[in-house]
């Protein structure tokens, strides 16, 4: 499966789907800078591949396509696709362009789990992928422990360290 997450130098976390239910108003205020530098990490998560393919990037469809061509194709030479191998991705626009879907379908014929894949993964699905359920929360909790990284370079270094320590 593949996924991406944003690591902001300010420690900002997207809370648009974060809800706090309480009988009383907690009167909490979260202040964040309007803009902060960020690192977007694209990840392929599989037993044999997860440590080799952590990557920093800007995720648009051309970058995603180049990562699929450079990283995933090379990894599949080393670990060939088996009949029971499926590729899962969410419905992000960069994942579901015709060009990127064609690339993934060529690598995993009839075995793509995605918004427009062979097995439909609906937009806004309440089902979490492994990356969403475990990987991103763990990495963000580890990367932003004191001392907090403040620059993109520090974020990259810290992410690399914590990613390699991931159990």
Protein backbone atom coordinates (compact mmCIF):
# COMPACT_ATOMS: atom_id res chain seq x y z
CA UNK A 1 0.00 0.00 0.00
CA UNK A 2 1.13 3.55 -0.48
CA UNK A 3 0.23 6.69 1.37
CA UNK A 4 1.62 10.09 2.19
CA UNK A 5 1.63 12.36 5.24
CA UNK A 6 2.66 15.95 5.88
CA UNK A 7 5.17 16.72 8.63
CA UNK A 8 5.02 20.48 9.43
CA UNK A 9 7.97 22.16 11.14
CA UNK A 10 5.50 23.88 13.49
CA UNK A 11 4.11 20.50 14.61
CA UNK A 12 0.73 21.40 13.03
CA UNK A 13 -1.67 18.48 12.68
CA UNK A 14 -4.67 18.66 10.32
CA UNK A 15 -7.66 18.42 12.65
CA UNK A 16 -10.49 18.93 10.16
CA UNK A 17 -11.84 15.50 11.09
CA UNK A 18 -10.92 15.80 14.76
CA UNK A 19 -13.96 16.02 17.05
CA UNK A 20 -14.06 16.46 20.80
CA UNK A 21 -17.33 15.40 22.43
CA UNK A 22 -17.98 16.65 25.95
CA UNK A 23 -20.82 17.87 28.15
CA UNK A 24 -18.81 21.04 28.84
CA UNK A 25 -16.85 23.37 26.58
CA UNK A 26 -13.13 22.69 27.13
CA UNK A 27 -12.34 26.27 25.99
CA UNK A 28 -9.18 25.09 24.30
CA UNK A 29 -7.50 27.24 21.70
CA UNK A 30 -4.94 25.90 19.24
CA UNK A 31 -2.74 28.54 17.67
CA UNK A 32 -0.59 27.68 14.68
CA UNK A 33 1.34 29.80 12.22
CA UNK A 34 -0.47 30.57 8.98
CA UNK A 35 2.34 28.96 6.98
CA UNK A 36 5.04 26.58 8.12
CA UNK A 37 7.56 24.60 6.17
CA UNK A 38 6.63 20.97 5.71
CA UNK A 39 7.95 17.69 4.43
CA UNK A 40 5.54 15.40 2.62
CA UNK A 41 6.55 11.79 3.00
CA UNK A 42 5.43 9.20 0.48
CA UNK A 43 5.59 5.67 1.76
CA UNK A 44 5.22 2.20 0.36
CA UNK A 45 4.42 -0.11 3.22
CA UNK A 46 5.02 -3.82 2.84
CA UNK A 47 6.85 -6.38 4.92
CA UNK A 48 9.95 -6.49 2.73
CA UNK A 49 9.90 -2.91 1.48
CA UNK A 50 8.98 -0.51 4.26
CA UNK A 51 12.49 0.37 5.42
CA UNK A 52 13.90 0.85 1.94
CA UNK A 53 11.31 3.22 0.52
CA UNK A 54 10.62 6.06 2.93
CA UNK A 55 10.92 9.19 0.78
CA UNK A 56 10.47 12.95 1.09
CA UNK A 57 8.60 14.61 -1.73
CA UNK A 58 5.96 17.00 -2.94
CA UNK A 59 3.10 14.72 -3.91
CA UNK A 60 1.57 15.70 -7.22
CA UNK A 61 0.86 13.16 -9.95
CA UNK A 62 4.15 13.69 -11.81
CA UNK A 63 6.21 13.19 -8.64
CA UNK A 64 4.12 10.20 -7.63
CA UNK A 65 4.54 8.71 -11.09
CA UNK A 66 8.32 9.16 -10.98
CA UNK A 67 8.43 7.47 -7.55
CA UNK A 68 6.38 4.56 -8.85
CA UNK A 69 8.72 4.25 -11.82
CA UNK A 70 11.96 4.63 -9.86
CA UNK A 71 11.26 3.10 -6.47
CA UNK A 72 8.39 0.67 -6.86
CA UNK A 73 9.49 -0.86 -10.16
CA UNK A 74 13.01 -1.42 -8.81
CA UNK A 75 11.63 -2.93 -5.61
CA UNK A 76 9.39 -5.28 -7.61
CA UNK A 77 12.45 -6.60 -9.45
CA UNK A 78 13.86 -7.55 -6.06
CA UNK A 79 10.53 -8.77 -4.63
CA UNK A 80 8.38 -10.01 -7.54
CA UNK A 81 4.60 -9.63 -7.40
CA UNK A 82 2.84 -12.79 -6.31
CA UNK A 83 -0.72 -13.75 -7.21
CA UNK A 84 -1.90 -12.72 -3.73
CA UNK A 85 -0.14 -9.32 -3.84
CA UNK A 86 -2.45 -6.29 -3.91
CA UNK A 87 -1.61 -2.60 -4.13
CA UNK A 88 -3.72 -0.25 -1.98
CA UNK A 89 -3.87 3.53 -2.12
CA UNK A 90 -6.34 6.17 -1.01
CA UNK A 91 -8.39 8.40 -3.28
CA UNK A 92 -6.06 11.40 -3.31
CA UNK A 93 -6.13 13.16 -6.66
CA UNK A 94 -2.46 12.47 -7.36
CA UNK A 95 -3.15 8.73 -6.92
CA UNK A 96 -6.21 8.55 -9.13
CA UNK A 97 -5.19 10.41 -12.27
CA UNK A 98 -5.54 8.30 -15.39
CA UNK A 99 -1.77 8.23 -15.89
CA UNK A 100 -0.92 7.10 -12.36
CA UNK A 101 -3.77 4.54 -12.29
CA UNK A 102 -2.53 3.12 -15.62
CA UNK A 103 0.99 2.76 -14.19
CA UNK A 104 -0.22 0.98 -11.05
CA UNK A 105 -2.62 -1.24 -13.03
CA UNK A 106 0.27 -2.30 -15.28
CA UNK A 107 2.31 -3.34 -12.25
CA UNK A 108 -0.59 -5.00 -10.38
CA UNK A 109 -3.13 -6.15 -12.98
CA UNK A 110 -6.57 -6.77 -11.40
CA UNK A 111 -5.06 -6.25 -7.93
CA UNK A 112 -5.42 -2.51 -7.22
CA UNK A 113 -7.42 -1.32 -4.22
CA UNK A 114 -8.18 2.35 -4.84
CA UNK A 115 -10.95 4.83 -5.52
CA UNK A 116 -10.96 3.83 -9.20
CA UNK A 117 -9.19 0.49 -8.82
CA UNK A 118 -10.26 -3.08 -9.40
CA UNK A 119 -11.44 -3.21 -5.79
CA UNK A 120 -13.11 0.10 -4.92
CA UNK A 121 -11.83 1.97 -1.85
CA UNK A 122 -14.54 4.63 -1.38
CA UNK A 123 -13.72 8.28 -0.83
CA UNK A 124 -13.97 9.23 2.84
CA UNK A 125 -13.98 5.58 3.83
CA UNK A 126 -14.11 5.04 7.61
CA UNK A 127 -11.76 2.09 7.11
CA UNK A 128 -8.19 3.05 7.88
CA UNK A 129 -5.18 1.85 5.96
CA UNK A 130 -2.20 0.52 7.90
CA UNK A 131 -0.33 3.78 7.31
CA UNK A 132 -3.23 5.85 8.69
CA UNK A 133 -3.92 3.49 11.58
CA UNK A 134 -0.40 3.00 12.85
CA UNK A 135 2.48 4.50 10.88
CA UNK A 136 1.77 8.23 10.63
CA UNK A 137 0.58 8.70 14.22
CA UNK A 138 3.59 6.83 15.58
CA UNK A 139 6.07 8.73 13.42
CA UNK A 140 4.55 12.14 14.20
CA UNK A 141 4.58 11.39 17.93
CA UNK A 142 8.26 10.42 17.70
CA UNK A 143 9.47 13.13 15.29
CA UNK A 144 8.00 15.94 17.40
CA UNK A 145 9.38 14.85 20.76
CA UNK A 146 11.76 17.42 22.24
CA UNK A 147 13.88 18.83 20.73
CA UNK A 148 11.33 19.73 18.06
CA UNK A 149 12.68 20.08 14.49
CA UNK A 150 12.19 23.59 13.07
CA UNK A 151 13.53 23.37 9.51
CA UNK A 152 12.86 21.08 6.57
CA UNK A 153 16.39 19.67 6.91
CA UNK A 154 15.82 18.88 10.61
CA UNK A 155 12.45 17.29 9.74
CA UNK A 156 14.09 15.10 7.11
CA UNK A 157 16.84 13.99 9.49
CA UNK A 158 14.41 13.28 12.34
CA UNK A 159 11.98 11.45 10.06
CA UNK A 160 14.77 9.24 8.72
CA UNK A 161 15.91 8.33 12.24
CA UNK A 162 12.42 7.57 13.56
CA UNK A 163 11.36 5.72 10.41
CA UNK A 164 14.31 3.36 10.76
CA UNK A 165 13.42 2.77 14.42
CA UNK A 166 9.81 1.88 13.54
CA UNK A 167 9.13 -1.64 14.86
